[in-house]
Protein backbone atom coordinates (compact mmCIF):
# COMPACT_ATOMS: atom_id res chain seq x y z
CA MET A 1 17.44 55.67 -2.84
CA LEU A 2 16.79 55.56 -6.53
CA ASN A 3 16.13 51.82 -6.62
CA GLU A 4 13.39 52.10 -3.98
CA ASN A 5 11.83 55.09 -5.76
CA ILE A 6 11.69 53.25 -9.08
CA GLN A 7 10.01 50.25 -7.48
CA ALA A 8 7.53 52.33 -5.46
CA LEU A 9 6.57 54.48 -8.45
CA ARG A 10 6.21 51.45 -10.72
CA LYS A 11 3.94 49.73 -8.22
CA SER A 12 1.90 52.91 -7.65
CA LYS A 13 1.19 52.94 -11.39
CA GLY A 14 0.11 49.30 -11.25
CA LEU A 15 2.89 48.18 -13.59
CA SER A 16 4.83 44.94 -13.45
CA GLN A 17 8.56 44.97 -14.13
CA GLU A 18 7.79 43.44 -17.52
CA GLU A 19 5.25 46.16 -18.39
CA LEU A 20 7.63 48.95 -17.39
CA ALA A 21 10.43 47.29 -19.36
CA LEU A 22 8.24 47.15 -22.47
CA LYS A 23 7.37 50.84 -22.16
CA LEU A 24 11.08 51.71 -21.87
CA ASN A 25 12.25 49.26 -24.54
CA VAL A 26 14.51 47.35 -22.16
CA VAL A 27 14.38 43.80 -20.82
CA ARG A 28 12.71 42.96 -17.51
CA GLN A 29 16.08 42.06 -16.01
CA THR A 30 17.23 45.66 -16.49
CA VAL A 31 14.31 46.97 -14.43
CA SER A 32 15.01 44.30 -11.82
CA LYS A 33 18.66 45.40 -11.57
CA TRP A 34 17.62 49.05 -11.13
CA GLU A 35 15.19 48.09 -8.38
CA ARG A 36 17.76 45.93 -6.58
CA GLY A 37 20.38 48.68 -6.82
CA LEU A 38 22.72 46.57 -8.96
CA SER A 39 22.79 49.16 -11.74
CA VAL A 40 21.42 52.64 -12.38
CA PRO A 41 19.73 54.07 -15.46
CA ASP A 42 21.73 56.61 -17.45
CA ALA A 43 20.56 60.23 -17.78
CA GLU A 44 18.47 59.58 -20.89
CA MET A 45 16.79 56.58 -19.29
CA LEU A 46 16.10 58.61 -16.14
CA VAL A 47 14.22 61.10 -18.30
CA ALA A 48 12.28 58.26 -19.97
CA LEU A 49 11.51 56.75 -16.55
CA GLY A 50 10.27 60.10 -15.33
CA GLU A 51 7.98 60.48 -18.32
CA THR A 52 6.65 56.95 -17.98
CA LEU A 53 6.09 57.20 -14.23
CA ASP A 54 4.84 60.82 -14.30
CA VAL A 55 7.76 62.22 -12.29
CA PRO A 56 9.43 65.37 -13.67
CA VAL A 57 13.10 64.80 -14.54
CA SER A 58 15.11 66.83 -17.02
CA LYS A 59 18.44 65.91 -18.58
CA ASP A 60 19.98 68.87 -16.74
CA GLU A 61 18.68 67.53 -13.43
CA ALA A 62 19.65 63.88 -13.93
CA ARG A 63 22.77 63.53 -11.84
CA GLY A 64 25.68 61.29 -12.76
CA ASP A 65 25.31 59.21 -9.59
CA GLY A 66 21.87 57.97 -10.61
CA ALA A 67 20.02 59.85 -7.87
CA LEU A 68 16.73 61.48 -8.69
CA PRO A 69 16.84 65.27 -8.54
CA ARG A 70 15.32 67.05 -5.54
CA THR A 71 12.08 67.83 -7.41
CA ALA A 72 11.56 64.16 -8.23
CA ARG A 73 12.38 63.09 -4.67
CA ARG A 74 9.79 65.52 -3.31
CA GLU A 75 7.24 64.19 -5.78
CA THR A 76 7.79 60.58 -4.70
CA LEU A 77 7.26 61.42 -1.02
CA ARG A 78 3.79 62.89 -1.51
């Protein structure tokens, strides 16, 4: 799911929740909630996450349910 992908990608980049939060201009608790599946980033934040974590996501691909698009899912499995 999205929460697991965010956490795995963040860790693969060697970032703490705090460091990722700073890059995205959110608080650490927001990243924690995404990773625990308690909330999901909106479409604009998904794009920002993709850019920060080097996973391609476009606004057209960001789905309303918070799932990463197929291209991003494939990228995270490699």
